[in-house]
Amino acid sequence: SLSFAAWGADAEFVVGDHGLDDALGEPSPLARVYDLAGDVLLL
C-alpha cells in the first residue's frame, strides 16, 4: 500500500527492506533517506 521507488547508487539500500508494519516509520524508505542525510524536494 505504501511503497516507494528509487533509482541510483543507494536505491537498494533505500527500498530493499521495506517492512510491512509501521510502513512510514523505522522500517521504511523514509528512515533510510534519513540515514543517508538526504534532502526533501517539494516541487
PDB file of all heavy atoms in Angstrom:
ATOM      1  N   SER A   1       0.800  -1.227   0.000  1.00  0.00           N
ATOM      2  CA  SER A   1       0.000   0.000   0.000  1.00  0.00           C
ATOM      3  C   SER A   1       0.832   1.275   0.000  1.00  0.00           C
ATOM      4  O   SER A   1       0.409   2.287  -0.561  1.00  0.00           O
ATOM      5  CB  SER A   1      -0.926   0.036   1.230  1.00  0.00           C
ATOM      6  OG  SER A   1      -1.833  -1.038   1.225  1.00  0.00           O
ATOM      7  N   LEU A   2       2.004   1.253   0.636  1.00  0.00           N
ATOM      8  CA  LEU A   2       2.762   2.478   0.879  1.00  0.00           C
ATOM      9  C   LEU A   2       4.203   2.348   0.379  1.00  0.00           C
ATOM     10  O   LEU A   2       5.154   2.694   1.074  1.00  0.00           O
ATOM     11  CB  LEU A   2       2.732   2.822   2.374  1.00  0.00           C
ATOM     12  CG  LEU A   2       1.337   3.151   2.924  1.00  0.00           C
ATOM     13  CD1 LEU A   2       1.370   3.265   4.442  1.00  0.00           C
ATOM     14  CD2 LEU A   2       0.783   4.429   2.311  1.00  0.00           C
ATOM     15  N   SER A   3       4.346   1.901  -0.867  1.00  0.00           N
ATOM     16  CA  SER A   3       5.669   1.688  -1.439  1.00  0.00           C
ATOM     17  C   SER A   3       6.339   3.005  -1.813  1.00  0.00           C
ATOM     18  O   SER A   3       5.703   4.055  -1.951  1.00  0.00           O
ATOM     19  CB  SER A   3       5.570   0.796  -2.672  1.00  0.00           C
ATOM     20  OG  SER A   3       4.890   1.470  -3.722  1.00  0.00           O
ATOM     21  N   PHE A   4       7.662   2.923  -2.012  1.00  0.00           N
ATOM     22  CA  PHE A   4       8.474   3.987  -2.591  1.00  0.00           C
ATOM     23  C   PHE A   4       9.299   3.366  -3.718  1.00  0.00           C
ATOM     24  O   PHE A   4       9.575   2.162  -3.707  1.00  0.00           O
ATOM     25  CB  PHE A   4       9.418   4.597  -1.550  1.00  0.00           C
ATOM     26  CG  PHE A   4       8.736   5.428  -0.510  1.00  0.00           C
ATOM     27  CD1 PHE A   4       8.023   4.828   0.531  1.00  0.00           C
ATOM     28  CD2 PHE A   4       8.803   6.817  -0.536  1.00  0.00           C
ATOM     29  CE1 PHE A   4       7.394   5.593   1.505  1.00  0.00           C
ATOM     30  CE2 PHE A   4       8.172   7.594   0.428  1.00  0.00           C
ATOM     31  CZ  PHE A   4       7.463   6.979   1.448  1.00  0.00           C
ATOM     32  N   ALA A   5       9.680   4.200  -4.672  1.00  0.00           N
ATOM     33  CA  ALA A   5      10.564   3.759  -5.744  1.00  0.00           C
ATOM     34  C   ALA A   5      11.836   4.585  -5.697  1.00  0.00           C
ATOM     35  O   ALA A   5      11.816   5.766  -5.330  1.00  0.00           O
ATOM     36  CB  ALA A   5       9.880   3.900  -7.101  1.00  0.00           C
ATOM     37  N   ALA A   6      12.951   3.970  -6.090  1.00  0.00           N
ATOM     38  CA  ALA A   6      14.239   4.654  -6.035  1.00  0.00           C
ATOM     39  C   ALA A   6      15.107   4.250  -7.217  1.00  0.00           C
ATOM     40  O   ALA A   6      15.029   3.134  -7.722  1.00  0.00           O
ATOM     41  CB  ALA A   6      14.956   4.339  -4.726  1.00  0.00           C
ATOM     42  N   TRP A   7      15.952   5.199  -7.618  1.00  0.00           N
ATOM     43  CA  TRP A   7      16.938   4.985  -8.679  1.00  0.00           C
ATOM     44  C   TRP A   7      18.250   5.585  -8.236  1.00  0.00           C
ATOM     45  O   TRP A   7      18.279   6.654  -7.616  1.00  0.00           O
ATOM     46  CB  TRP A   7      16.481   5.661  -9.968  1.00  0.00           C
ATOM     47  CG  TRP A   7      17.559   5.705 -11.021  1.00  0.00           C
ATOM     48  CD1 TRP A   7      17.864   4.726 -11.927  1.00  0.00           C
ATOM     49  CD2 TRP A   7      18.480   6.778 -11.262  1.00  0.00           C
ATOM     50  NE1 TRP A   7      18.919   5.121 -12.711  1.00  0.00           N
ATOM     51  CE2 TRP A   7      19.323   6.375 -12.329  1.00  0.00           C
ATOM     52  CE3 TRP A   7      18.689   8.036 -10.686  1.00  0.00           C
ATOM     53  CZ2 TRP A   7      20.339   7.181 -12.836  1.00  0.00           C
ATOM     54  CZ3 TRP A   7      19.703   8.835 -11.171  1.00  0.00           C
ATOM     55  CH2 TRP A   7      20.517   8.418 -12.238  1.00  0.00           C
ATOM     56  N   GLY A   8      19.355   4.912  -8.554  1.00  0.00           N
ATOM     57  CA  GLY A   8      20.656   5.480  -8.281  1.00  0.00           C
ATOM     58  C   GLY A   8      21.505   4.621  -7.377  1.00  0.00           C
ATOM     59  O   GLY A   8      21.222   3.438  -7.130  1.00  0.00           O
ATOM     60  N   ALA A   9      22.550   5.227  -6.838  1.00  0.00           N
ATOM     61  CA  ALA A   9      23.593   4.488  -6.141  1.00  0.00           C
ATOM     62  C   ALA A   9      23.084   3.739  -4.918  1.00  0.00           C
ATOM     63  O   ALA A   9      23.539   2.629  -4.635  1.00  0.00           O
ATOM     64  CB  ALA A   9      24.712   5.456  -5.731  1.00  0.00           C
ATOM     65  N   ASP A  10      22.160   4.329  -4.172  1.00  0.00           N
ATOM     66  CA  ASP A  10      21.687   3.713  -2.930  1.00  0.00           C
ATOM     67  C   ASP A  10      20.238   3.263  -3.020  1.00  0.00           C
ATOM     68  O   ASP A  10      19.560   3.125  -1.995  1.00  0.00           O
ATOM     69  CB  ASP A  10      21.861   4.694  -1.762  1.00  0.00           C
ATOM     70  CG  ASP A  10      23.316   4.900  -1.390  1.00  0.00           C
ATOM     71  OD1 ASP A  10      24.011   3.896  -1.172  1.00  0.00           O
ATOM     72  OD2 ASP A  10      23.755   6.067  -1.345  1.00  0.00           O
ATOM     73  N   ALA A  11      19.766   2.989  -4.230  1.00  0.00           N
ATOM     74  CA  ALA A  11      18.360   2.602  -4.403  1.00  0.00           C
ATOM     75  C   ALA A  11      18.019   1.346  -3.611  1.00  0.00           C
ATOM     76  O   ALA A  11      16.987   1.284  -2.931  1.00  0.00           O
ATOM     77  CB  ALA A  11      18.054   2.404  -5.889  1.00  0.00           C
ATOM     78  N   GLU A  12      18.861   0.338  -3.672  1.00  0.00           N
ATOM     79  CA  GLU A  12      18.584  -0.911  -2.974  1.00  0.00           C
ATOM     80  C   GLU A  12      18.566  -0.695  -1.460  1.00  0.00           C
ATOM     81  O   GLU A  12      17.709  -1.244  -0.749  1.00  0.00           O
ATOM     82  CB  GLU A  12      19.614  -1.967  -3.346  1.00  0.00           C
ATOM     83  CG  GLU A  12      19.389  -3.326  -2.702  1.00  0.00           C
ATOM     84  CD  GLU A  12      18.077  -3.987  -3.107  1.00  0.00           C
ATOM     85  OE1 GLU A  12      17.581  -3.704  -4.218  1.00  0.00           O
ATOM     86  OE2 GLU A  12      17.539  -4.782  -2.301  1.00  0.00           O
ATOM     87  N   PHE A  13      19.491   0.107  -0.947  1.00  0.00           N
ATOM     88  CA  PHE A  13      19.505   0.402   0.485  1.00  0.00           C
ATOM     89  C   PHE A  13      18.219   1.097   0.916  1.00  0.00           C
ATOM     90  O   PHE A  13      17.658   0.799   1.978  1.00  0.00           O
ATOM     91  CB  PHE A  13      20.716   1.278   0.822  1.00  0.00           C
ATOM     92  CG  PHE A  13      20.738   1.767   2.243  1.00  0.00           C
ATOM     93  CD1 PHE A  13      21.079   0.914   3.280  1.00  0.00           C
ATOM     94  CD2 PHE A  13      20.412   3.083   2.542  1.00  0.00           C
ATOM     95  CE1 PHE A  13      21.092   1.367   4.598  1.00  0.00           C
ATOM     96  CE2 PHE A  13      20.422   3.537   3.858  1.00  0.00           C
ATOM     97  CZ  PHE A  13      20.766   2.672   4.890  1.00  0.00           C
ATOM     98  N   VAL A  14      17.734   2.019   0.091  1.00  0.00           N
ATOM     99  CA  VAL A  14      16.554   2.802   0.459  1.00  0.00           C
ATOM    100  C   VAL A  14      15.283   1.960   0.452  1.00  0.00           C
ATOM    101  O   VAL A  14      14.469   2.046   1.370  1.00  0.00           O
ATOM    102  CB  VAL A  14      16.403   4.027  -0.474  1.00  0.00           C
ATOM    103  CG1 VAL A  14      15.076   4.741  -0.229  1.00  0.00           C
ATOM    104  CG2 VAL A  14      17.562   5.001  -0.265  1.00  0.00           C
ATOM    105  N   VAL A  15      15.072   1.144  -0.559  1.00  0.00           N
ATOM    106  CA  VAL A  15      13.778   0.479  -0.712  1.00  0.00           C
ATOM    107  C   VAL A  15      13.836  -1.030  -0.567  1.00  0.00           C
ATOM    108  O   VAL A  15      12.806  -1.700  -0.611  1.00  0.00           O
ATOM    109  CB  VAL A  15      13.134   0.821  -2.075  1.00  0.00           C
ATOM    110  CG1 VAL A  15      12.948   2.314  -2.229  1.00  0.00           C
ATOM    111  CG2 VAL A  15      13.927   0.243  -3.245  1.00  0.00           C
ATOM    112  N   GLY A  16      15.016  -1.602  -0.362  1.00  0.00           N
ATOM    113  CA  GLY A  16      15.149  -3.044  -0.434  1.00  0.00           C
ATOM    114  C   GLY A  16      14.592  -3.820   0.731  1.00  0.00           C
ATOM    115  O   GLY A  16      14.411  -5.036   0.624  1.00  0.00           O
ATOM    116  N   ASP A  17      14.316  -3.182   1.852  1.00  0.00           N
ATOM    117  CA  ASP A  17      13.854  -3.916   3.033  1.00  0.00           C
ATOM    118  C   ASP A  17      12.743  -3.127   3.724  1.00  0.00           C
ATOM    119  O   ASP A  17      12.852  -2.776   4.896  1.00  0.00           O
ATOM    120  CB  ASP A  17      15.029  -4.165   3.982  1.00  0.00           C
ATOM    121  CG  ASP A  17      14.700  -5.149   5.090  1.00  0.00           C
ATOM    122  OD1 ASP A  17      13.746  -5.937   4.922  1.00  0.00           O
ATOM    123  OD2 ASP A  17      15.382  -5.127   6.135  1.00  0.00           O
ATOM    124  N   HIS A  18      11.684  -2.872   2.988  1.00  0.00           N
ATOM    125  CA  HIS A  18      10.563  -2.067   3.491  1.00  0.00           C
ATOM    126  C   HIS A  18       9.623  -2.965   4.287  1.00  0.00           C
ATOM    127  O   HIS A  18       8.922  -3.800   3.736  1.00  0.00           O
ATOM    128  CB  HIS A  18       9.831  -1.429   2.307  1.00  0.00           C
ATOM    129  CG  HIS A  18       8.839  -0.386   2.696  1.00  0.00           C
ATOM    130  ND1 HIS A  18       8.172   0.381   1.765  1.00  0.00           N
ATOM    131  CD2 HIS A  18       8.389   0.044   3.910  1.00  0.00           C
ATOM    132  CE1 HIS A  18       7.364   1.213   2.376  1.00  0.00           C
ATOM    133  NE2 HIS A  18       7.478   1.023   3.686  1.00  0.00           N
ATOM    134  N   GLY A  19       9.622  -2.790   5.601  1.00  0.00           N
ATOM    135  CA  GLY A  19       8.811  -3.632   6.463  1.00  0.00           C
ATOM    136  C   GLY A  19       7.320  -3.422   6.283  1.00  0.00           C
ATOM    137  O   GLY A  19       6.863  -2.356   5.874  1.00  0.00           O
ATOM    138  N   LEU A  20       6.547  -4.453   6.599  1.00  0.00           N
ATOM    139  CA  LEU A  20       5.096  -4.374   6.444  1.00  0.00           C
ATOM    140  C   LEU A  20       4.468  -3.522   7.546  1.00  0.00           C
ATOM    141  O   LEU A  20       3.652  -2.639   7.275  1.00  0.00           O
ATOM    142  CB  LEU A  20       4.504  -5.790   6.451  1.00  0.00           C
ATOM    143  CG  LEU A  20       3.076  -5.965   5.943  1.00  0.00           C
ATOM    144  CD1 LEU A  20       2.933  -5.493   4.500  1.00  0.00           C
ATOM    145  CD2 LEU A  20       2.643  -7.424   6.066  1.00  0.00           C
ATOM    146  N   ASP A  21       4.837  -3.774   8.802  1.00  0.00           N
ATOM    147  CA  ASP A  21       4.328  -2.975   9.920  1.00  0.00           C
ATOM    148  C   ASP A  21       5.023  -1.607   9.941  1.00  0.00           C
ATOM    149  O   ASP A  21       6.151  -1.459   9.467  1.00  0.00           O
ATOM    150  CB  ASP A  21       4.573  -3.680  11.253  1.00  0.00           C
ATOM    151  CG  ASP A  21       3.788  -4.972  11.391  1.00  0.00           C
ATOM    152  OD1 ASP A  21       2.752  -5.125  10.719  1.00  0.00           O
ATOM    153  OD2 ASP A  21       4.228  -5.837  12.179  1.00  0.00           O
ATOM    154  N   ASP A  22       4.324  -0.606  10.496  1.00  0.00           N
ATOM    155  CA  ASP A  22       4.899   0.743  10.635  1.00  0.00           C
ATOM    156  C   ASP A  22       5.503   1.209   9.311  1.00  0.00           C
ATOM    157  O   ASP A  22       6.684   1.560   9.213  1.00  0.00           O
ATOM    158  CB  ASP A  22       5.949   0.768  11.749  1.00  0.00           C
ATOM    159  CG  ASP A  22       5.334   0.542  13.120  1.00  0.00           C
ATOM    160  OD1 ASP A  22       4.145   0.868  13.302  1.00  0.00           O
ATOM    161  OD2 ASP A  22       6.030   0.026  14.001  1.00  0.00           O
ATOM    162  N   ALA A  23       4.655   1.269   8.293  1.00  0.00           N
ATOM    163  CA  ALA A  23       5.102   1.390   6.906  1.00  0.00           C
ATOM    164  C   ALA A  23       5.787   2.708   6.573  1.00  0.00           C
ATOM    165  O   ALA A  23       6.503   2.795   5.574  1.00  0.00           O
ATOM    166  CB  ALA A  23       3.922   1.185   5.969  1.00  0.00           C
ATOM    167  N   LEU A  24       5.582   3.743   7.383  1.00  0.00           N
ATOM    168  CA  LEU A  24       6.252   5.019   7.163  1.00  0.00           C
ATOM    169  C   LEU A  24       7.177   5.364   8.338  1.00  0.00           C
ATOM    170  O   LEU A  24       7.597   6.500   8.495  1.00  0.00           O
ATOM    171  CB  LEU A  24       5.222   6.139   6.955  1.00  0.00           C
ATOM    172  CG  LEU A  24       4.285   5.941   5.747  1.00  0.00           C
ATOM    173  CD1 LEU A  24       3.245   7.064   5.690  1.00  0.00           C
ATOM    174  CD2 LEU A  24       5.060   5.862   4.439  1.00  0.00           C
ATOM    175  N   GLY A  25       7.508   4.339   9.120  1.00  0.00           N
ATOM    176  CA  GLY A  25       8.350   4.525  10.288  1.00  0.00           C
ATOM    177  C   GLY A  25       9.747   3.963  10.091  1.00  0.00           C
ATOM    178  O   GLY A  25      10.324   4.044   9.008  1.00  0.00           O
ATOM    179  N   GLU A  26      10.302   3.356  11.133  1.00  0.00           N
ATOM    180  CA  GLU A  26      11.701   2.925  11.097  1.00  0.00           C
ATOM    181  C   GLU A  26      12.005   1.876  10.030  1.00  0.00           C
ATOM    182  O   GLU A  26      13.112   1.866   9.486  1.00  0.00           O
ATOM    183  CB  GLU A  26      12.131   2.417  12.473  1.00  0.00           C
ATOM    184  CG  GLU A  26      12.048   3.447  13.581  1.00  0.00           C
ATOM    185  CD  GLU A  26      12.756   4.757  13.258  1.00  0.00           C
ATOM    186  OE1 GLU A  26      13.793   4.733  12.558  1.00  0.00           O
ATOM    187  OE2 GLU A  26      12.256   5.819  13.686  1.00  0.00           O
ATOM    188  N   PRO A  27      11.067   0.976   9.680  1.00  0.00           N
ATOM    189  CA  PRO A  27      11.383   0.003   8.631  1.00  0.00           C
ATOM    190  C   PRO A  27      11.183   0.551   7.223  1.00  0.00           C
ATOM    191  O   PRO A  27      11.219  -0.218   6.257  1.00  0.00           O
ATOM    192  CB  PRO A  27      10.378  -1.150   8.895  1.00  0.00           C
ATOM    193  CG  PRO A  27       9.660  -0.816  10.158  1.00  0.00           C
ATOM    194  CD  PRO A  27       9.772   0.659  10.337  1.00  0.00           C
ATOM    195  N   SER A  28      10.970   1.836   7.071  1.00  0.00           N
ATOM    196  CA  SER A  28      10.545   2.401   5.791  1.00  0.00           C
ATOM    197  C   SER A  28      11.681   3.076   5.032  1.00  0.00           C
ATOM    198  O   SER A  28      12.713   3.434   5.604  1.00  0.00           O
ATOM    199  CB  SER A  28       9.445   3.441   6.020  1.00  0.00           C
ATOM    200  OG  SER A  28       9.999   4.667   6.472  1.00  0.00           O
ATOM    201  N   PRO A  29      11.494   3.302   3.728  1.00  0.00           N
ATOM    202  CA  PRO A  29      12.455   4.097   2.961  1.00  0.00           C
ATOM    203  C   PRO A  29      12.665   5.500   3.520  1.00  0.00           C
ATOM    204  O   PRO A  29      13.733   6.087   3.332  1.00  0.00           O
ATOM    205  CB  PRO A  29      11.824   4.129   1.566  1.00  0.00           C
ATOM    206  CG  PRO A  29      11.088   2.832   1.471  1.00  0.00           C
ATOM    207  CD  PRO A  29      10.497   2.657   2.843  1.00  0.00           C
ATOM    208  N   LEU A  30      11.668   6.059   4.206  1.00  0.00           N
ATOM    209  CA  LEU A  30      11.841   7.384   4.804  1.00  0.00           C
ATOM    210  C   LEU A  30      12.988   7.381   5.805  1.00  0.00           C
ATOM    211  O   LEU A  30      13.793   8.325   5.854  1.00  0.00           O
ATOM    212  CB  LEU A  30      10.546   7.819   5.494  1.00  0.00           C
ATOM    213  CG  LEU A  30       9.335   8.039   4.606  1.00  0.00           C
ATOM    214  CD1 LEU A  30       8.087   8.279   5.452  1.00  0.00           C
ATOM    215  CD2 LEU A  30       9.567   9.209   3.649  1.00  0.00           C
ATOM    216  N   ALA A  31      13.065   6.336   6.615  1.00  0.00           N
ATOM    217  CA  ALA A  31      14.145   6.247   7.594  1.00  0.00           C
ATOM    218  C   ALA A  31      15.491   6.026   6.919  1.00  0.00           C
ATOM    219  O   ALA A  31      16.530   6.485   7.412  1.00  0.00           O
ATOM    220  CB  ALA A  31      13.860   5.125   8.595  1.00  0.00           C
ATOM    221  N   ARG A  32      15.494   5.344   5.776  1.00  0.00           N
ATOM    222  CA  ARG A  32      16.755   5.129   5.053  1.00  0.00           C
ATOM    223  C   ARG A  32      17.234   6.437   4.406  1.00  0.00           C
ATOM    224  O   ARG A  32      18.449   6.685   4.354  1.00  0.00           O
ATOM    225  CB  ARG A  32      16.583   4.049   4.005  1.00  0.00           C
ATOM    226  CG  ARG A  32      16.064   2.702   4.526  1.00  0.00           C
ATOM    227  CD  ARG A  32      17.032   1.973   5.421  1.00  0.00           C
ATOM    228  NE  ARG A  32      17.098   2.518   6.779  1.00  0.00           N
ATOM    229  CZ  ARG A  32      16.173   2.291   7.724  1.00  0.00           C
ATOM    230  NH1 ARG A  32      15.088   1.585   7.443  1.00  0.00           N
ATOM    231  NH2 ARG A  32      16.315   2.795   8.937  1.00  0.00           N
ATOM    232  N   VAL A  33      16.318   7.261   3.923  1.00  0.00           N
ATOM    233  CA  VAL A  33      16.707   8.585   3.422  1.00  0.00           C
ATOM    234  C   VAL A  33      17.330   9.400   4.552  1.00  0.00           C
ATOM    235  O   VAL A  33      18.335  10.094   4.356  1.00  0.00           O
ATOM    236  CB  VAL A  33      15.499   9.312   2.807  1.00  0.00           C
ATOM    237  CG1 VAL A  33      15.830  10.770   2.480  1.00  0.00           C
ATOM    238  CG2 VAL A  33      15.024   8.595   1.543  1.00  0.00           C
ATOM    239  N   TYR A  34      16.744   9.293   5.739  1.00  0.00           N
ATOM    240  CA  TYR A  34      17.306   9.971   6.916  1.00  0.00           C
ATOM    241  C   TYR A  34      18.731   9.481   7.176  1.00  0.00           C
ATOM    242  O   TYR A  34      19.646  10.276   7.423  1.00  0.00           O
ATOM    243  CB  TYR A  34      16.414   9.704   8.128  1.00  0.00           C
ATOM    244  CG  TYR A  34      16.802  10.441   9.385  1.00  0.00           C
ATOM    245  CD1 TYR A  34      16.142  11.601   9.763  1.00  0.00           C
ATOM    246  CD2 TYR A  34      17.816   9.964  10.220  1.00  0.00           C
ATOM    247  CE1 TYR A  34      16.483  12.277  10.930  1.00  0.00           C
ATOM    248  CE2 TYR A  34      18.166  10.629  11.376  1.00  0.00           C
ATOM    249  CZ  TYR A  34      17.496  11.791  11.729  1.00  0.00           C
ATOM    250  OH  TYR A  34      17.843  12.459  12.887  1.00  0.00           O
ATOM    251  N   ASP A  35      18.934   8.146   7.121  1.00  0.00           N
ATOM    252  CA  ASP A  35      20.259   7.574   7.361  1.00  0.00           C
ATOM    253  C   ASP A  35      21.297   8.115   6.377  1.00  0.00           C
ATOM    254  O   ASP A  35      22.477   8.234   6.716  1.00  0.00           O
ATOM    255  CB  ASP A  35      20.210   6.051   7.239  1.00  0.00           C
ATOM    256  CG  ASP A  35      19.388   5.388   8.328  1.00  0.00           C
ATOM    257  OD1 ASP A  35      19.168   6.013   9.388  1.00  0.00           O
ATOM    258  OD2 ASP A  35      18.965   4.230   8.120  1.00  0.00           O
ATOM    259  N   LEU A  36      20.846   8.422   5.153  1.00  0.00           N
ATOM    260  CA  LEU A  36      21.740   8.918   4.105  1.00  0.00           C
ATOM    261  C   LEU A  36      21.877  10.438   4.115  1.00  0.00           C
ATOM    262  O   LEU A  36      22.527  10.995   3.221  1.00  0.00           O
ATOM    263  CB  LEU A  36      21.228   8.465   2.733  1.00  0.00           C
ATOM    264  CG  LEU A  36      21.310   6.964   2.457  1.00  0.00           C
ATOM    265  CD1 LEU A  36      20.513   6.612   1.192  1.00  0.00           C
ATOM    266  CD2 LEU A  36      22.759   6.505   2.320  1.00  0.00           C
ATOM    267  N   ALA A  37      21.274  11.096   5.126  1.00  0.00           N
ATOM    268  CA  ALA A  37      21.304  12.561   5.205  1.00  0.00           C
ATOM    269  C   ALA A  37      20.767  13.174   3.919  1.00  0.00           C
ATOM    270  O   ALA A  37      21.339  14.121   3.372  1.00  0.00           O
ATOM    271  CB  ALA A  37      22.704  13.070   5.510  1.00  0.00           C
ATOM    272  N   GLY A  38      19.644  12.634   3.449  1.00  0.00           N
ATOM    273  CA  GLY A  38      19.051  13.088   2.203  1.00  0.00           C
ATOM    274  C   GLY A  38      18.298  14.394   2.335  1.00  0.00           C
ATOM    275  O   GLY A  38      18.175  14.971   3.425  1.00  0.00           O
ATOM    276  N   ASP A  39      17.799  14.857   1.197  1.00  0.00           N
ATOM    277  CA  ASP A  39      17.007  16.085   1.127  1.00  0.00           C
ATOM    278  C   ASP A  39      15.594  15.768   0.672  1.00  0.00           C
ATOM    279  O   ASP A  39      15.340  14.764  -0.007  1.00  0.00           O
ATOM    280  CB  ASP A  39      17.630  17.071   0.131  1.00  0.00           C
ATOM    281  CG  ASP A  39      18.969  17.604   0.598  1.00  0.00           C
ATOM    282  OD1 ASP A  39      19.157  17.766   1.817  1.00  0.00           O
ATOM    283  OD2 ASP A  39      19.836  17.845  -0.264  1.00  0.00           O
ATOM    284  N   VAL A  40      14.677  16.657   1.021  1.00  0.00           N
ATOM    285  CA  VAL A  40      13.294  16.615   0.544  1.00  0.00           C
ATOM    286  C   VAL A  40      13.101  17.751  -0.444  1.00  0.00           C
ATOM    287  O   VAL A  40      13.447  18.907  -0.152  1.00  0.00           O
ATOM    288  CB  VAL A  40      12.295  16.756   1.708  1.00  0.00           C
ATOM    289  CG1 VAL A  40      10.873  16.895   1.179  1.00  0.00           C
ATOM    290  CG2 VAL A  40      12.401  15.572   2.649  1.00  0.00           C
ATOM    291  N   LEU A  41      12.554  17.439  -1.603  1.00  0.00           N
ATOM    292  CA  LEU A  41      12.200  18.448  -2.600  1.00  0.00           C
ATOM    293  C   LEU A  41      10.691  18.466  -2.756  1.00  0.00           C
ATOM    294  O   LEU A  41      10.079  17.458  -3.125  1.00  0.00           O
ATOM    295  CB  LEU A  41      12.849  18.128  -3.949  1.00  0.00           C
ATOM    296  CG  LEU A  41      12.426  19.013  -5.132  1.00  0.00           C
ATOM    297  CD1 LEU A  41      12.796  20.479  -4.894  1.00  0.00           C
ATOM    298  CD2 LEU A  41      13.051  18.506  -6.434  1.00  0.00           C
ATOM    299  N   LEU A  42      10.083  19.601  -2.439  1.00  0.00           N
ATOM    300  CA  LEU A  42       8.659  19.819  -2.674  1.00  0.00           C
ATOM    301  C   LEU A  42       8.552  20.622  -3.962  1.00  0.00           C
ATOM    302  O   LEU A  42       8.921  21.783  -4.007  1.00  0.00           O
ATOM    303  CB  LEU A  42       8.024  20.572  -1.509  1.00  0.00           C
ATOM    304  CG  LEU A  42       8.131  19.904  -0.133  1.00  0.00           C
ATOM    305  CD1 LEU A  42       7.494  20.784   0.942  1.00  0.00           C
ATOM    306  CD2 LEU A  42       7.502  18.517  -0.127  1.00  0.00           C
ATOM    307  N   LEU A  43       8.057  19.972  -4.996  1.00  0.00           N
ATOM    308  CA  LEU A  43       8.040  20.538  -6.335  1.00  0.00           C
ATOM    309  C   LEU A  43       6.599  20.873  -6.720  1.00  0.00           C
ATOM    310  O   LEU A  43       5.869  20.053  -7.252  1.00  0.00           O
ATOM    311  CB  LEU A  43       8.639  19.527  -7.312  1.00  0.00           C
ATOM    312  CG  LEU A  43       9.059  20.000  -8.698  1.00  0.00           C
ATOM    313  CD1 LEU A  43      10.041  21.160  -8.612  1.00  0.00           C
ATOM    314  CD2 LEU A  43       9.665  18.832  -9.471  1.00  0.00           C
TER     315      LEU A  43
END
